[in-house]
Amino acid sequence: MSLIDDPAGFSYPCNDPEAKVVWALRKVEVSPDGTETPSQLYRVSGRVEIERIIDDHMQRAGADLTDVAGTLWTRSLRLRDGGRIEFWIILEVIDWRCLDCGWNLQRVDEYYMVHDELWLSVVPDRKGLLCVGCLEDRLGRELNAADFPTGRSIDGRYTERLWDRVNRAGPNV
């Protein structure tokens, strides 16, 4: 879950082996005519390293830097020639635990996708993951092949239970 879209702030577990916190910084240079360079992604350890990278770019811009604008999650270094260097600060908390039972789906290899309508019927805010058993509990029935989109519904890593559901004939198959 990316926290960059939450203007109200953020909260994440510290020292929790089940949740991984990942920081990154994305940079795009914009020329005076609006042409953008391909974005560059920096993997960083946290806010201190992010600010150091941005400060380094400010130092390199030197006298060409006219002002700096931004928010908690962005910075825009504006240059004398009309160009800009744009930064987006990214914080993601990756938590593979099932919302209901707490089973770590990464550890047991239960990766899957179901049709959006089905998922939204039981997880309306789209946030979080469910193991197959807990999704079935919320649905009140077992999953079958019709519940999974064609193509890559599972990613080569699956439990026996997931494999059974993906290959089980259903009412629409």
N, C-alpha and C. Protein backbone atom coordinates (compact mmCIF):
# COMPACT_ATOMS: atom_id res chain seq x y z
N MET A 1 0.86 -1.16 0.00
CA MET A 1 0.00 0.00 0.00
C MET A 1 0.90 1.22 0.00
N SER A 2 0.73 2.08 -0.95
CA SER A 2 1.53 3.29 -1.01
C SER A 2 0.86 4.36 -0.15
N LEU A 3 1.64 5.04 0.64
CA LEU A 3 1.09 6.06 1.52
C LEU A 3 1.20 7.46 0.93
N ILE A 4 1.72 7.58 -0.27
CA ILE A 4 1.89 8.90 -0.87
C ILE A 4 0.54 9.58 -1.14
N ASP A 5 -0.51 8.80 -1.31
CA ASP A 5 -1.82 9.35 -1.64
C ASP A 5 -2.65 9.71 -0.41
N ASP A 6 -2.10 9.58 0.77
CA ASP A 6 -2.86 9.86 1.98
C ASP A 6 -2.42 11.19 2.59
N PRO A 7 -3.12 12.28 2.25
CA PRO A 7 -2.70 13.59 2.74
C PRO A 7 -2.87 13.76 4.25
N ALA A 8 -3.64 12.88 4.87
CA ALA A 8 -3.90 13.02 6.29
C ALA A 8 -2.72 12.55 7.14
N GLY A 9 -1.78 11.88 6.53
CA GLY A 9 -0.64 11.39 7.29
C GLY A 9 -0.50 9.90 7.12
N PHE A 10 0.33 9.29 7.99
CA PHE A 10 0.54 7.86 7.87
C PHE A 10 0.88 7.26 9.21
N SER A 11 0.71 5.96 9.29
CA SER A 11 1.07 5.19 10.45
C SER A 11 1.47 3.81 9.96
N TYR A 12 2.58 3.31 10.44
CA TYR A 12 2.98 1.97 10.04
C TYR A 12 3.70 1.28 11.19
N PRO A 13 3.65 -0.06 11.21
CA PRO A 13 4.27 -0.78 12.32
C PRO A 13 5.79 -0.76 12.23
N CYS A 14 6.45 -0.53 13.33
CA CYS A 14 7.91 -0.57 13.38
C CYS A 14 8.35 -1.89 13.99
N ASN A 15 9.45 -2.41 13.51
CA ASN A 15 10.02 -3.65 14.04
C ASN A 15 9.04 -4.81 14.01
N ASP A 16 8.15 -4.81 13.04
CA ASP A 16 7.21 -5.91 12.86
C ASP A 16 7.72 -6.76 11.72
N PRO A 17 8.15 -7.99 11.98
CA PRO A 17 8.73 -8.81 10.91
C PRO A 17 7.74 -9.13 9.80
N GLU A 18 6.46 -8.96 10.04
CA GLU A 18 5.45 -9.27 9.02
C GLU A 18 5.22 -8.11 8.06
N ALA A 19 5.65 -6.91 8.43
CA ALA A 19 5.43 -5.74 7.58
C ALA A 19 6.78 -5.16 7.17
N LYS A 20 6.90 -4.85 5.91
CA LYS A 20 8.15 -4.28 5.38
C LYS A 20 7.87 -2.84 4.97
N VAL A 21 8.72 -1.93 5.41
CA VAL A 21 8.58 -0.52 5.06
C VAL A 21 9.63 -0.18 4.02
N VAL A 22 9.19 0.38 2.89
CA VAL A 22 10.09 0.69 1.78
C VAL A 22 9.95 2.17 1.44
N TRP A 23 11.08 2.87 1.43
CA TRP A 23 11.12 4.27 1.02
C TRP A 23 11.76 4.36 -0.36
N ALA A 24 11.32 5.31 -1.16
CA ALA A 24 11.93 5.56 -2.47
C ALA A 24 11.75 7.03 -2.81
N LEU A 25 12.52 7.48 -3.77
CA LEU A 25 12.43 8.86 -4.26
C LEU A 25 12.45 8.79 -5.79
N ARG A 26 11.43 9.39 -6.41
CA ARG A 26 11.37 9.42 -7.87
C ARG A 26 11.68 10.83 -8.33
N LYS A 27 12.55 10.93 -9.36
CA LYS A 27 12.97 12.24 -9.88
C LYS A 27 12.70 12.31 -11.37
N VAL A 28 12.16 13.45 -11.81
CA VAL A 28 11.97 13.74 -13.24
C VAL A 28 12.48 15.15 -13.49
N GLU A 29 13.27 15.30 -14.53
CA GLU A 29 13.71 16.64 -14.93
C GLU A 29 12.81 17.11 -16.06
N VAL A 30 12.34 18.35 -15.96
CA VAL A 30 11.44 18.93 -16.95
C VAL A 30 12.14 20.12 -17.58
N SER A 31 12.28 20.09 -18.91
CA SER A 31 12.96 21.19 -19.60
C SER A 31 12.00 22.38 -19.71
N PRO A 32 12.51 23.56 -20.09
CA PRO A 32 11.65 24.73 -20.20
C PRO A 32 10.48 24.53 -21.17
N ASP A 33 10.64 23.66 -22.18
CA ASP A 33 9.54 23.43 -23.13
C ASP A 33 8.57 22.34 -22.67
N GLY A 34 8.79 21.80 -21.46
CA GLY A 34 7.88 20.81 -20.90
C GLY A 34 8.27 19.36 -21.15
N THR A 35 9.34 19.14 -21.89
CA THR A 35 9.79 17.77 -22.15
C THR A 35 10.36 17.17 -20.86
N GLU A 36 9.94 15.93 -20.57
CA GLU A 36 10.39 15.26 -19.35
C GLU A 36 11.42 14.18 -19.65
N THR A 37 12.41 14.07 -18.80
CA THR A 37 13.35 12.96 -18.90
C THR A 37 12.67 11.72 -18.32
N PRO A 38 13.15 10.55 -18.67
CA PRO A 38 12.60 9.35 -18.00
C PRO A 38 12.81 9.46 -16.50
N SER A 39 11.84 8.97 -15.74
CA SER A 39 11.98 9.11 -14.29
C SER A 39 13.09 8.21 -13.76
N GLN A 40 13.72 8.69 -12.70
CA GLN A 40 14.79 7.96 -12.06
C GLN A 40 14.31 7.62 -10.65
N LEU A 41 14.48 6.37 -10.25
CA LEU A 41 14.02 5.92 -8.94
C LEU A 41 15.22 5.64 -8.05
N TYR A 42 15.22 6.26 -6.88
CA TYR A 42 16.26 6.03 -5.89
C TYR A 42 15.66 5.17 -4.77
N ARG A 43 16.26 4.05 -4.47
CA ARG A 43 15.88 3.26 -3.29
C ARG A 43 16.65 3.87 -2.13
N VAL A 44 15.95 4.25 -1.08
CA VAL A 44 16.57 4.95 0.03
C VAL A 44 16.17 4.33 1.36
N SER A 45 16.90 4.69 2.39
CA SER A 45 16.62 4.12 3.71
C SER A 45 15.60 4.93 4.51
N GLY A 46 15.32 6.17 4.09
CA GLY A 46 14.35 6.97 4.83
C GLY A 46 14.42 8.43 4.46
N ARG A 47 13.73 9.26 5.26
CA ARG A 47 13.61 10.69 4.97
C ARG A 47 14.96 11.41 4.97
N VAL A 48 15.86 11.03 5.84
CA VAL A 48 17.15 11.72 5.92
C VAL A 48 17.90 11.57 4.60
N GLU A 49 17.94 10.37 4.07
CA GLU A 49 18.62 10.14 2.80
C GLU A 49 17.91 10.87 1.65
N ILE A 50 16.59 10.90 1.70
CA ILE A 50 15.81 11.62 0.68
C ILE A 50 16.19 13.10 0.68
N GLU A 51 16.21 13.71 1.85
CA GLU A 51 16.53 15.14 1.93
C GLU A 51 17.98 15.39 1.49
N ARG A 52 18.88 14.46 1.77
CA ARG A 52 20.27 14.60 1.33
C ARG A 52 20.35 14.60 -0.19
N ILE A 53 19.63 13.70 -0.84
CA ILE A 53 19.63 13.64 -2.31
C ILE A 53 19.07 14.93 -2.90
N ILE A 54 17.98 15.41 -2.35
CA ILE A 54 17.38 16.66 -2.84
C ILE A 54 18.33 17.83 -2.61
N ASP A 55 18.94 17.88 -1.42
CA ASP A 55 19.92 18.94 -1.14
C ASP A 55 21.09 18.90 -2.11
N ASP A 56 21.57 17.68 -2.44
CA ASP A 56 22.66 17.54 -3.42
C ASP A 56 22.26 18.14 -4.77
N HIS A 57 21.04 17.90 -5.20
CA HIS A 57 20.57 18.46 -6.47
C HIS A 57 20.47 19.99 -6.39
N MET A 58 20.06 20.49 -5.23
CA MET A 58 19.99 21.94 -5.05
C MET A 58 21.39 22.56 -5.14
N GLN A 59 22.36 21.91 -4.53
CA GLN A 59 23.74 22.41 -4.57
C GLN A 59 24.27 22.41 -6.00
N ARG A 60 23.99 21.32 -6.74
CA ARG A 60 24.46 21.24 -8.12
C ARG A 60 23.79 22.29 -9.01
N ALA A 61 22.54 22.61 -8.72
CA ALA A 61 21.85 23.63 -9.52
C ALA A 61 22.44 25.01 -9.26
N GLY A 62 22.90 25.22 -8.04
CA GLY A 62 23.60 26.46 -7.68
C GLY A 62 22.80 27.70 -8.02
N ALA A 63 23.43 28.63 -8.76
CA ALA A 63 22.83 29.92 -9.11
C ALA A 63 21.66 29.78 -10.07
N ASP A 64 21.52 28.61 -10.72
CA ASP A 64 20.39 28.39 -11.64
C ASP A 64 19.09 28.12 -10.89
N LEU A 65 19.17 27.85 -9.59
CA LEU A 65 17.99 27.55 -8.78
C LEU A 65 17.31 28.85 -8.36
N THR A 66 16.02 28.99 -8.70
CA THR A 66 15.30 30.21 -8.31
C THR A 66 14.48 30.02 -7.05
N ASP A 67 13.83 28.87 -6.91
CA ASP A 67 13.09 28.59 -5.68
C ASP A 67 12.76 27.11 -5.59
N VAL A 68 12.30 26.72 -4.41
CA VAL A 68 11.93 25.35 -4.12
C VAL A 68 10.51 25.37 -3.58
N ALA A 69 9.65 24.52 -4.13
CA ALA A 69 8.27 24.42 -3.66
C ALA A 69 8.00 22.96 -3.32
N GLY A 70 7.02 22.70 -2.49
CA GLY A 70 6.73 21.31 -2.22
C GLY A 70 5.77 21.09 -1.08
N THR A 71 5.58 19.82 -0.79
CA THR A 71 4.72 19.37 0.30
C THR A 71 5.51 18.33 1.08
N LEU A 72 4.85 17.64 1.98
CA LEU A 72 5.48 16.55 2.71
C LEU A 72 5.96 15.46 1.76
N TRP A 73 5.28 15.30 0.61
CA TRP A 73 5.56 14.19 -0.31
C TRP A 73 6.18 14.61 -1.63
N THR A 74 6.38 15.90 -1.87
CA THR A 74 6.92 16.36 -3.16
C THR A 74 7.90 17.51 -2.96
N ARG A 75 8.76 17.69 -3.95
CA ARG A 75 9.62 18.88 -4.04
C ARG A 75 9.73 19.24 -5.50
N SER A 76 9.75 20.52 -5.78
CA SER A 76 9.95 21.02 -7.13
C SER A 76 11.04 22.08 -7.06
N LEU A 77 12.18 21.77 -7.70
CA LEU A 77 13.27 22.73 -7.78
C LEU A 77 13.08 23.50 -9.09
N ARG A 78 12.81 24.77 -8.98
CA ARG A 78 12.56 25.59 -10.17
C ARG A 78 13.84 26.29 -10.59
N LEU A 79 14.11 26.24 -11.89
CA LEU A 79 15.36 26.77 -12.42
C LEU A 79 15.15 28.07 -13.18
N ARG A 80 16.18 28.86 -13.27
CA ARG A 80 16.14 30.17 -13.92
C ARG A 80 15.67 30.10 -15.37
N ASP A 81 16.02 29.02 -16.09
CA ASP A 81 15.64 28.91 -17.50
C ASP A 81 14.19 28.42 -17.70
N GLY A 82 13.45 28.18 -16.58
CA GLY A 82 12.07 27.72 -16.68
C GLY A 82 11.93 26.21 -16.51
N GLY A 83 13.04 25.53 -16.44
CA GLY A 83 13.01 24.09 -16.21
C GLY A 83 12.76 23.78 -14.74
N ARG A 84 12.51 22.50 -14.46
CA ARG A 84 12.26 22.08 -13.08
C ARG A 84 12.88 20.70 -12.85
N ILE A 85 13.15 20.41 -11.61
CA ILE A 85 13.49 19.05 -11.19
C ILE A 85 12.43 18.67 -10.17
N GLU A 86 11.63 17.67 -10.51
CA GLU A 86 10.50 17.25 -9.68
C GLU A 86 10.85 15.99 -8.91
N PHE A 87 10.52 15.97 -7.61
CA PHE A 87 10.75 14.80 -6.78
C PHE A 87 9.43 14.37 -6.15
N TRP A 88 9.21 13.06 -6.09
CA TRP A 88 8.07 12.48 -5.39
C TRP A 88 8.62 11.51 -4.36
N ILE A 89 8.25 11.71 -3.11
CA ILE A 89 8.70 10.86 -2.02
C ILE A 89 7.67 9.74 -1.86
N ILE A 90 8.17 8.52 -1.84
CA ILE A 90 7.29 7.36 -1.82
C ILE A 90 7.57 6.56 -0.55
N LEU A 91 6.53 6.25 0.17
CA LEU A 91 6.60 5.38 1.33
C LEU A 91 5.58 4.28 1.13
N GLU A 92 6.03 3.05 1.13
CA GLU A 92 5.12 1.92 0.99
C GLU A 92 5.30 0.99 2.17
N VAL A 93 4.18 0.54 2.70
CA VAL A 93 4.20 -0.48 3.73
C VAL A 93 3.66 -1.74 3.07
N ILE A 94 4.49 -2.75 3.05
CA ILE A 94 4.12 -4.00 2.41
C ILE A 94 3.81 -5.00 3.51
N ASP A 95 2.56 -5.36 3.60
CA ASP A 95 2.11 -6.28 4.64
C ASP A 95 1.34 -7.39 3.96
N TRP A 96 1.89 -8.58 3.97
CA TRP A 96 1.32 -9.72 3.27
C TRP A 96 0.36 -10.52 4.14
N ARG A 97 0.00 -10.03 5.31
CA ARG A 97 -0.88 -10.79 6.19
C ARG A 97 -2.33 -10.71 5.74
N CYS A 98 -3.03 -11.81 5.89
CA CYS A 98 -4.46 -11.86 5.64
C CYS A 98 -5.16 -10.93 6.62
N LEU A 99 -6.10 -10.14 6.12
CA LEU A 99 -6.83 -9.20 6.97
C LEU A 99 -7.57 -9.88 8.11
N ASP A 100 -8.05 -11.10 7.86
CA ASP A 100 -8.90 -11.76 8.86
C ASP A 100 -8.14 -12.70 9.78
N CYS A 101 -7.30 -13.57 9.25
CA CYS A 101 -6.64 -14.58 10.09
C CYS A 101 -5.18 -14.26 10.39
N GLY A 102 -4.58 -13.31 9.67
CA GLY A 102 -3.19 -12.92 9.91
C GLY A 102 -2.16 -13.81 9.26
N TRP A 103 -2.58 -14.79 8.48
CA TRP A 103 -1.67 -15.70 7.80
C TRP A 103 -0.81 -14.91 6.82
N ASN A 104 0.50 -15.13 6.81
CA ASN A 104 1.40 -14.40 5.92
C ASN A 104 1.37 -15.06 4.54
N LEU A 105 0.71 -14.42 3.59
CA LEU A 105 0.51 -15.02 2.25
C LEU A 105 1.80 -15.08 1.46
N GLN A 106 2.76 -14.24 1.76
CA GLN A 106 4.04 -14.31 1.07
C GLN A 106 4.81 -15.54 1.53
N ARG A 107 4.76 -15.81 2.79
CA ARG A 107 5.50 -16.94 3.35
C ARG A 107 4.95 -18.27 2.85
N VAL A 108 3.63 -18.34 2.62
CA VAL A 108 3.02 -19.62 2.21
C VAL A 108 2.74 -19.69 0.71
N ASP A 109 3.07 -18.63 -0.04
CA ASP A 109 2.89 -18.61 -1.50
C ASP A 109 1.44 -18.73 -1.93
N GLU A 110 0.59 -17.88 -1.37
CA GLU A 110 -0.81 -17.85 -1.81
C GLU A 110 -1.09 -16.49 -2.45
N TYR A 111 -0.63 -16.36 -3.69
CA TYR A 111 -0.83 -15.14 -4.49
C TYR A 111 -1.93 -15.42 -5.50
N TYR A 112 -2.88 -14.51 -5.62
CA TYR A 112 -3.94 -14.72 -6.60
C TYR A 112 -4.66 -13.42 -6.90
N MET A 113 -5.44 -13.45 -7.97
CA MET A 113 -6.33 -12.33 -8.32
C MET A 113 -7.70 -12.92 -8.61
N VAL A 114 -8.72 -12.23 -8.16
CA VAL A 114 -10.09 -12.57 -8.54
C VAL A 114 -10.66 -11.37 -9.29
N HIS A 115 -11.81 -11.56 -9.90
CA HIS A 115 -12.45 -10.44 -10.61
C HIS A 115 -12.69 -9.28 -9.66
N ASP A 116 -12.51 -8.06 -10.17
CA ASP A 116 -12.66 -6.86 -9.34
C ASP A 116 -14.01 -6.80 -8.61
N GLU A 117 -15.08 -7.10 -9.32
CA GLU A 117 -16.41 -7.02 -8.71
C GLU A 117 -16.52 -7.95 -7.50
N LEU A 118 -15.94 -9.13 -7.64
CA LEU A 118 -15.98 -10.10 -6.54
C LEU A 118 -15.17 -9.57 -5.35
N TRP A 119 -13.96 -9.08 -5.61
CA TRP A 119 -13.11 -8.55 -4.54
C TRP A 119 -13.79 -7.38 -3.84
N LEU A 120 -14.33 -6.46 -4.61
CA LEU A 120 -14.96 -5.27 -4.04
C LEU A 120 -16.22 -5.61 -3.24
N SER A 121 -16.83 -6.74 -3.53
CA SER A 121 -18.02 -7.14 -2.78
C SER A 121 -17.67 -7.51 -1.33
N VAL A 122 -16.42 -7.88 -1.08
CA VAL A 122 -16.02 -8.26 0.27
C VAL A 122 -14.94 -7.35 0.86
N VAL A 123 -14.23 -6.59 0.02
CA VAL A 123 -13.21 -5.63 0.48
C VAL A 123 -13.46 -4.32 -0.28
N PRO A 124 -14.51 -3.57 0.11
CA PRO A 124 -14.91 -2.39 -0.65
C PRO A 124 -13.85 -1.30 -0.76
N ASP A 125 -12.94 -1.19 0.22
CA ASP A 125 -11.92 -0.14 0.14
C ASP A 125 -10.66 -0.61 -0.57
N ARG A 126 -10.66 -1.85 -1.06
CA ARG A 126 -9.55 -2.45 -1.81
C ARG A 126 -8.30 -2.68 -0.98
N LYS A 127 -8.25 -2.27 0.27
CA LYS A 127 -7.02 -2.31 1.05
C LYS A 127 -6.86 -3.65 1.74
N GLY A 128 -5.70 -4.24 1.57
CA GLY A 128 -5.36 -5.46 2.27
C GLY A 128 -5.47 -6.70 1.40
N LEU A 129 -5.17 -7.82 2.04
CA LEU A 129 -5.18 -9.12 1.37
C LEU A 129 -6.01 -10.09 2.19
N LEU A 130 -6.50 -11.11 1.51
CA LEU A 130 -7.21 -12.19 2.18
C LEU A 130 -6.67 -13.52 1.68
N CYS A 131 -6.51 -14.47 2.58
CA CYS A 131 -6.17 -15.82 2.12
C CYS A 131 -7.43 -16.39 1.46
N VAL A 132 -7.27 -17.47 0.73
CA VAL A 132 -8.41 -18.07 0.03
C VAL A 132 -9.52 -18.44 1.02
N GLY A 133 -9.15 -19.04 2.15
CA GLY A 133 -10.16 -19.45 3.13
C GLY A 133 -10.97 -18.29 3.68
N CYS A 134 -10.30 -17.18 4.00
CA CYS A 134 -11.01 -16.02 4.55
C CYS A 134 -11.86 -15.32 3.48
N LEU A 135 -11.37 -15.29 2.23
CA LEU A 135 -12.19 -14.74 1.16
C LEU A 135 -13.45 -15.59 1.00
N GLU A 136 -13.29 -16.89 1.04
CA GLU A 136 -14.46 -17.78 0.93
C GLU A 136 -15.41 -17.60 2.11
N ASP A 137 -14.87 -17.41 3.33
CA ASP A 137 -15.73 -17.15 4.49
C ASP A 137 -16.55 -15.88 4.28
N ARG A 138 -15.91 -14.83 3.77
CA ARG A 138 -16.64 -13.58 3.54
C ARG A 138 -17.69 -13.73 2.43
N LEU A 139 -17.37 -14.53 1.42
CA LEU A 139 -18.31 -14.77 0.32
C LEU A 139 -19.44 -15.72 0.72
N GLY A 140 -19.15 -16.61 1.65
CA GLY A 140 -20.12 -17.62 2.03
C GLY A 140 -20.15 -18.80 1.06
N ARG A 141 -19.09 -19.00 0.30
CA ARG A 141 -19.00 -20.11 -0.66
C ARG A 141 -17.54 -20.32 -1.03
N GLU A 142 -17.27 -21.46 -1.66
CA GLU A 142 -15.91 -21.72 -2.15
C GLU A 142 -15.71 -21.06 -3.50
N LEU A 143 -14.48 -20.68 -3.77
CA LEU A 143 -14.12 -20.11 -5.07
C LEU A 143 -14.08 -21.20 -6.13
N ASN A 144 -14.24 -20.78 -7.39
CA ASN A 144 -14.11 -21.70 -8.52
C ASN A 144 -13.47 -20.96 -9.67
N ALA A 145 -13.19 -21.65 -10.75
CA ALA A 145 -12.46 -21.09 -11.89
C ALA A 145 -13.10 -19.81 -12.43
N ALA A 146 -14.42 -19.71 -12.38
CA ALA A 146 -15.11 -18.52 -12.91
C ALA A 146 -14.81 -17.26 -12.10
N ASP A 147 -14.32 -17.42 -10.88
CA ASP A 147 -14.02 -16.26 -10.03
C ASP A 147 -12.69 -15.60 -10.37
N PHE A 148 -11.86 -16.29 -11.14
CA PHE A 148 -10.53 -15.79 -11.46
C PHE A 148 -10.48 -15.28 -12.89
N PRO A 149 -9.85 -14.12 -13.14
CA PRO A 149 -9.73 -13.64 -14.52
C PRO A 149 -8.84 -14.60 -15.33
N THR A 150 -9.10 -14.67 -16.61
CA THR A 150 -8.27 -15.53 -17.46
C THR A 150 -6.88 -14.93 -17.55
N GLY A 151 -5.91 -15.76 -17.82
CA GLY A 151 -4.53 -15.28 -17.89
C GLY A 151 -3.82 -15.59 -16.61
N ARG A 152 -3.21 -14.56 -16.03
CA ARG A 152 -2.35 -14.76 -14.86
C ARG A 152 -3.08 -14.51 -13.56
N SER A 153 -4.01 -15.39 -13.20
CA SER A 153 -4.72 -15.25 -11.92
C SER A 153 -3.83 -15.66 -10.77
N ILE A 154 -2.93 -16.60 -11.04
CA ILE A 154 -1.94 -16.97 -10.03
C ILE A 154 -0.58 -16.85 -10.69
N ASP A 155 0.40 -16.55 -9.88
CA ASP A 155 1.70 -16.15 -10.42
C ASP A 155 2.78 -17.22 -10.28
N GLY A 156 2.42 -18.49 -10.50
CA GLY A 156 3.41 -19.54 -10.42
C GLY A 156 3.73 -19.96 -9.00
N ARG A 157 3.15 -19.28 -8.02
CA ARG A 157 3.36 -19.61 -6.61
C ARG A 157 1.97 -19.76 -6.01
N TYR A 158 1.68 -20.93 -5.49
CA TYR A 158 0.33 -21.16 -5.01
C TYR A 158 0.29 -22.31 -4.03
N THR A 159 -0.70 -22.26 -3.17
CA THR A 159 -0.95 -23.37 -2.26
C THR A 159 -1.79 -24.40 -3.00
N GLU A 160 -1.85 -25.59 -2.43
CA GLU A 160 -2.70 -26.64 -3.01
C GLU A 160 -4.15 -26.18 -3.06
N ARG A 161 -4.59 -25.50 -2.02
CA ARG A 161 -5.97 -25.00 -1.94
C ARG A 161 -6.26 -24.02 -3.08
N LEU A 162 -5.33 -23.09 -3.33
CA LEU A 162 -5.52 -22.12 -4.42
C LEU A 162 -5.55 -22.84 -5.77
N TRP A 163 -4.63 -23.75 -5.98
CA TRP A 163 -4.59 -24.50 -7.24
C TRP A 163 -5.91 -25.23 -7.47
N ASP A 164 -6.45 -25.82 -6.40
CA ASP A 164 -7.74 -26.52 -6.48
C ASP A 164 -8.85 -25.57 -6.93
N ARG A 165 -8.90 -24.37 -6.36
CA ARG A 165 -9.99 -23.42 -6.68
C ARG A 165 -9.87 -22.89 -8.11
N VAL A 166 -8.66 -22.59 -8.54
CA VAL A 166 -8.46 -22.07 -9.89
C VAL A 166 -8.87 -23.10 -10.94
N ASN A 167 -8.73 -24.35 -10.61
CA ASN A 167 -9.04 -25.43 -11.56
C ASN A 167 -10.40 -26.08 -11.33
N ARG A 168 -11.17 -25.60 -10.38
CA ARG A 168 -12.49 -26.16 -10.07
C ARG A 168 -13.54 -25.56 -11.00
N ALA A 169 -14.30 -26.42 -11.64
CA ALA A 169 -15.39 -25.94 -12.51
C ALA A 169 -16.43 -25.23 -11.66
N GLY A 170 -16.97 -24.18 -12.20
CA GLY A 170 -17.99 -23.43 -11.49
C GLY A 170 -19.23 -23.28 -12.36
N PRO A 171 -20.20 -22.52 -11.88
CA PRO A 171 -21.47 -22.37 -12.59
C PRO A 171 -21.33 -21.68 -13.95
N ASN A 172 -20.31 -20.82 -14.10
CA ASN A 172 -20.16 -20.07 -15.35
C ASN A 172 -19.10 -20.67 -16.27
N VAL A 173 -18.61 -21.84 -15.96
CA VAL A 173 -17.52 -22.43 -16.75
C VAL A 173 -18.08 -23.48 -17.68
